[in-house]
PDB file of N, CA and C in Angstrom:
ATOM      1  N   UNK A   1       0.822  -1.219   0.000  1.00  0.00           N
ATOM      2  CA  UNK A   1       0.000   0.000   0.000  1.00  0.00           C
ATOM      3  C   UNK A   1       0.860   1.275   0.000  1.00  0.00           C
ATOM      4  N   UNK A   2       2.135   1.140  -0.357  1.00  0.00           N
ATOM      5  CA  UNK A   2       2.977   2.348  -0.380  1.00  0.00           C
ATOM      6  C   UNK A   2       2.601   3.208  -1.585  1.00  0.00           C
ATOM      7  N   UNK A   3       2.521   4.499  -1.396  1.00  0.00           N
ATOM      8  CA  UNK A   3       2.307   5.408  -2.532  1.00  0.00           C
ATOM      9  C   UNK A   3       3.616   5.537  -3.288  1.00  0.00           C
ATOM     10  N   UNK A   4       3.533   5.532  -4.618  1.00  0.00           N
ATOM     11  CA  UNK A   4       4.792   5.688  -5.343  1.00  0.00           C
ATOM     12  C   UNK A   4       5.164   7.163  -5.451  1.00  0.00           C
ATOM     13  N   UNK A   5       6.431   7.388  -5.790  1.00  0.00           N
ATOM     14  CA  UNK A   5       6.985   8.743  -5.713  1.00  0.00           C
ATOM     15  C   UNK A   5       6.216   9.709  -6.604  1.00  0.00           C
ATOM     16  N   UNK A   6       5.823   9.272  -7.807  1.00  0.00           N
ATOM     17  CA  UNK A   6       5.136  10.179  -8.723  1.00  0.00           C
ATOM     18  C   UNK A   6       3.805  10.643  -8.139  1.00  0.00           C
ATOM     19  N   UNK A   7       3.067   9.728  -7.499  1.00  0.00           N
ATOM     20  CA  UNK A   7       1.792  10.121  -6.903  1.00  0.00           C
ATOM     21  C   UNK A   7       2.012  11.146  -5.799  1.00  0.00           C
ATOM     22  N   UNK A   8       3.019  10.919  -4.967  1.00  0.00           N
ATOM     23  CA  UNK A   8       3.272  11.843  -3.862  1.00  0.00           C
ATOM     24  C   UNK A   8       3.620  13.220  -4.405  1.00  0.00           C
ATOM     25  N   UNK A   9       4.500  13.274  -5.408  1.00  0.00           N
ATOM     26  CA  UNK A   9       4.891  14.568  -5.965  1.00  0.00           C
ATOM     27  C   UNK A   9       3.704  15.266  -6.612  1.00  0.00           C
ATOM     28  N   UNK A  10       2.847  14.494  -7.299  1.00  0.00           N
ATOM     29  CA  UNK A  10       1.685  15.102  -7.947  1.00  0.00           C
ATOM     30  C   UNK A  10       0.746  15.682  -6.889  1.00  0.00           C
ATOM     31  N   UNK A  11       0.525  14.942  -5.807  1.00  0.00           N
ATOM     32  CA  UNK A  11      -0.356  15.436  -4.754  1.00  0.00           C
ATOM     33  C   UNK A  11       0.208  16.704  -4.131  1.00  0.00           C
ATOM     34  N   UNK A  12       1.524  16.730  -3.894  1.00  0.00           N
ATOM     35  CA  UNK A  12       2.118  17.932  -3.319  1.00  0.00           C
ATOM     36  C   UNK A  12       1.983  19.108  -4.280  1.00  0.00           C
ATOM     37  N   UNK A  13       2.142  18.830  -5.575  1.00  0.00           N
ATOM     38  CA  UNK A  13       2.062  19.900  -6.564  1.00  0.00           C
ATOM     39  C   UNK A  13       0.646  20.461  -6.623  1.00  0.00           C
ATOM     40  N   UNK A  14      -0.358  19.601  -6.482  1.00  0.00           N
ATOM     41  CA  UNK A  14      -1.744  20.060  -6.622  1.00  0.00           C
ATOM     42  C   UNK A  14      -2.239  20.796  -5.381  1.00  0.00           C
ATOM     43  N   UNK A  15      -1.544  20.645  -4.272  1.00  0.00           N
ATOM     44  CA  UNK A  15      -1.973  21.333  -3.053  1.00  0.00           C
ATOM     45  C   UNK A  15      -1.799  22.840  -3.227  1.00  0.00           C
ATOM     46  N   UNK A  16      -2.733  23.659  -2.765  1.00  0.00           N
ATOM     47  CA  UNK A  16      -2.559  25.111  -2.869  1.00  0.00           C
ATOM     48  C   UNK A  16      -1.369  25.561  -2.026  1.00  0.00           C
ATOM     49  N   UNK A  17      -0.563  26.438  -2.577  1.00  0.00           N
ATOM     50  CA  UNK A  17       0.670  26.873  -1.917  1.00  0.00           C
ATOM     51  C   UNK A  17       0.507  28.262  -1.297  1.00  0.00           C
ATOM     52  N   UNK A  18      -0.731  28.694  -1.074  1.00  0.00           N
ATOM     53  CA  UNK A  18      -0.942  30.082  -0.662  1.00  0.00           C
ATOM     54  C   UNK A  18      -0.280  30.375   0.680  1.00  0.00           C
ATOM     55  N   UNK A  19      -0.281  29.397   1.585  1.00  0.00           N
ATOM     56  CA  UNK A  19       0.206  29.694   2.927  1.00  0.00           C
ATOM     57  C   UNK A  19       1.680  30.048   2.908  1.00  0.00           C
ATOM     58  N   UNK A  20       2.484  29.340   2.088  1.00  0.00           N
ATOM     59  CA  UNK A  20       3.916  29.597   2.117  1.00  0.00           C
ATOM     60  C   UNK A  20       4.279  30.813   1.270  1.00  0.00           C
ATOM     61  N   UNK A  21       3.558  31.040   0.168  1.00  0.00           N
ATOM     62  CA  UNK A  21       3.951  32.121  -0.739  1.00  0.00           C
ATOM     63  C   UNK A  21       3.417  33.471  -0.313  1.00  0.00           C
ATOM     64  N   UNK A  22       2.291  33.488   0.397  1.00  0.00           N
ATOM     65  CA  UNK A  22       1.639  34.746   0.724  1.00  0.00           C
ATOM     66  C   UNK A  22       2.481  35.524   1.729  1.00  0.00           C
ATOM     67  N   UNK A  23       2.693  36.825   1.529  1.00  0.00           N
ATOM     68  CA  UNK A  23       3.364  37.609   2.560  1.00  0.00           C
ATOM     69  C   UNK A  23       2.481  37.686   3.801  1.00  0.00           C
ATOM     70  N   UNK A  24       3.070  37.778   4.984  1.00  0.00           N
ATOM     71  CA  UNK A  24       2.254  37.817   6.205  1.00  0.00           C
ATOM     72  C   UNK A  24       1.350  39.042   6.209  1.00  0.00           C
ATOM     73  N   UNK A  25       0.140  38.866   6.714  1.00  0.00           N
ATOM     74  CA  UNK A  25      -0.795  39.981   6.781  1.00  0.00           C
ATOM     75  C   UNK A  25      -0.402  40.960   7.880  1.00  0.00           C
ATOM     76  N   UNK A  26      -1.069  42.111   7.907  1.00  0.00           N
ATOM     77  CA  UNK A  26      -0.730  43.133   8.910  1.00  0.00           C
ATOM     78  C   UNK A  26      -0.899  42.592  10.319  1.00  0.00           C
ATOM     79  N   UNK A  27      -1.992  41.849  10.561  1.00  0.00           N
ATOM     80  CA  UNK A  27      -2.228  41.327  11.908  1.00  0.00           C
ATOM     81  C   UNK A  27      -1.082  40.419  12.330  1.00  0.00           C
ATOM     82  N   UNK A  28      -0.626  39.561  11.409  1.00  0.00           N
ATOM     83  CA  UNK A  28       0.465  38.644  11.750  1.00  0.00           C
ATOM     84  C   UNK A  28       1.734  39.421  12.066  1.00  0.00           C
ATOM     85  N   UNK A  29       2.018  40.460  11.280  1.00  0.00           N
ATOM     86  CA  UNK A  29       3.227  41.254  11.512  1.00  0.00           C
ATOM     87  C   UNK A  29       3.157  41.897  12.894  1.00  0.00           C
ATOM     88  N   UNK A  30       1.980  42.437  13.244  1.00  0.00           N
ATOM     89  CA  UNK A  30       1.832  43.065  14.562  1.00  0.00           C
ATOM     90  C   UNK A  30       2.064  42.029  15.656  1.00  0.00           C
ATOM     91  N   UNK A  31       1.496  40.826  15.494  1.00  0.00           N
ATOM     92  CA  UNK A  31       1.709  39.772  16.488  1.00  0.00           C
ATOM     93  C   UNK A  31       3.190  39.455  16.620  1.00  0.00           C
ATOM     94  N   UNK A  32       3.887  39.322  15.487  1.00  0.00           N
ATOM     95  CA  UNK A  32       5.311  38.982  15.529  1.00  0.00           C
ATOM     96  C   UNK A  32       6.079  40.087  16.247  1.00  0.00           C
ATOM     97  N   UNK A  33       5.740  41.348  15.962  1.00  0.00           N
ATOM     98  CA  UNK A  33       6.438  42.453  16.626  1.00  0.00           C
ATOM     99  C   UNK A  33       6.183  42.422  18.122  1.00  0.00           C
ATOM    100  N   UNK A  34       4.935  42.128  18.525  1.00  0.00           N
ATOM    101  CA  UNK A  34       4.639  42.045  19.959  1.00  0.00           C
ATOM    102  C   UNK A  34       5.486  40.963  20.606  1.00  0.00           C
ATOM    103  N   UNK A  35       5.584  39.805  19.960  1.00  0.00           N
ATOM    104  CA  UNK A  35       6.375  38.705  20.515  1.00  0.00           C
ATOM    105  C   UNK A  35       7.833  39.130  20.638  1.00  0.00           C
ATOM    106  N   UNK A  36       8.364  39.823  19.615  1.00  0.00           N
ATOM    107  CA  UNK A  36       9.755  40.269  19.672  1.00  0.00           C
ATOM    108  C   UNK A  36       9.939  41.256  20.818  1.00  0.00           C
ATOM    109  N   UNK A  37       8.977  42.164  21.016  1.00  0.00           N
ATOM    110  CA  UNK A  37       9.088  43.120  22.117  1.00  0.00           C
ATOM    111  C   UNK A  37       9.093  42.387  23.454  1.00  0.00           C
ATOM    112  N   UNK A  38       8.223  41.377  23.602  1.00  0.00           N
ATOM    113  CA  UNK A  38       8.205  40.618  24.850  1.00  0.00           C
ATOM    114  C   UNK A  38       9.549  39.938  25.075  1.00  0.00           C
ATOM    115  N   UNK A  39      10.124  39.376  24.013  1.00  0.00           N
ATOM    116  CA  UNK A  39      11.429  38.728  24.155  1.00  0.00           C
ATOM    117  C   UNK A  39      12.483  39.731  24.591  1.00  0.00           C
ATOM    118  N   UNK A  40      12.417  40.948  24.058  1.00  0.00           N
ATOM    119  CA  UNK A  40      13.408  41.958  24.407  1.00  0.00           C
ATOM    120  C   UNK A  40      13.270  42.360  25.877  1.00  0.00           C
ATOM    121  N   UNK A  41      12.006  42.450  26.357  1.00  0.00           N
ATOM    122  CA  UNK A  41      11.790  42.899  27.734  1.00  0.00           C
ATOM    123  C   UNK A  41      12.093  41.807  28.752  1.00  0.00           C
ATOM    124  N   UNK A  42      12.075  40.551  28.320  1.00  0.00           N
ATOM    125  CA  UNK A  42      12.265  39.443  29.252  1.00  0.00           C
ATOM    126  C   UNK A  42      13.721  39.425  29.741  1.00  0.00           C
ATOM    127  N   UNK A  43      13.958  39.235  31.024  1.00  0.00           N
ATOM    128  CA  UNK A  43      15.344  39.151  31.511  1.00  0.00           C
ATOM    129  C   UNK A  43      16.059  37.960  30.904  1.00  0.00           C
ATOM    130  N   UNK A  44      17.352  38.120  30.650  1.00  0.00           N
ATOM    131  CA  UNK A  44      18.123  37.109  29.926  1.00  0.00           C
ATOM    132  C   UNK A  44      18.839  36.145  30.868  1.00  0.00           C
ATOM    133  N   UNK A  45      18.602  36.234  32.179  1.00  0.00           N
ATOM    134  CA  UNK A  45      19.412  35.435  33.110  1.00  0.00           C
ATOM    135  C   UNK A  45      18.884  34.022  33.314  1.00  0.00           C
ATOM    136  N   UNK A  46      17.890  33.584  32.524  1.00  0.00           N
ATOM    137  CA  UNK A  46      17.376  32.225  32.708  1.00  0.00           C
ATOM    138  C   UNK A  46      18.409  31.210  32.222  1.00  0.00           C
TER     139      UNK A  46
END
């Protein structure tokens, strides 16, 4: 029942690639900046 390589590649090719190619939206960028700010404020002595 193993899928052969051609089937796997075809399935991967047919999958929509929007998630990886799309630039992050404004909300995501704001979230990332907030996380970076929290990391900066966190003490480094752990």
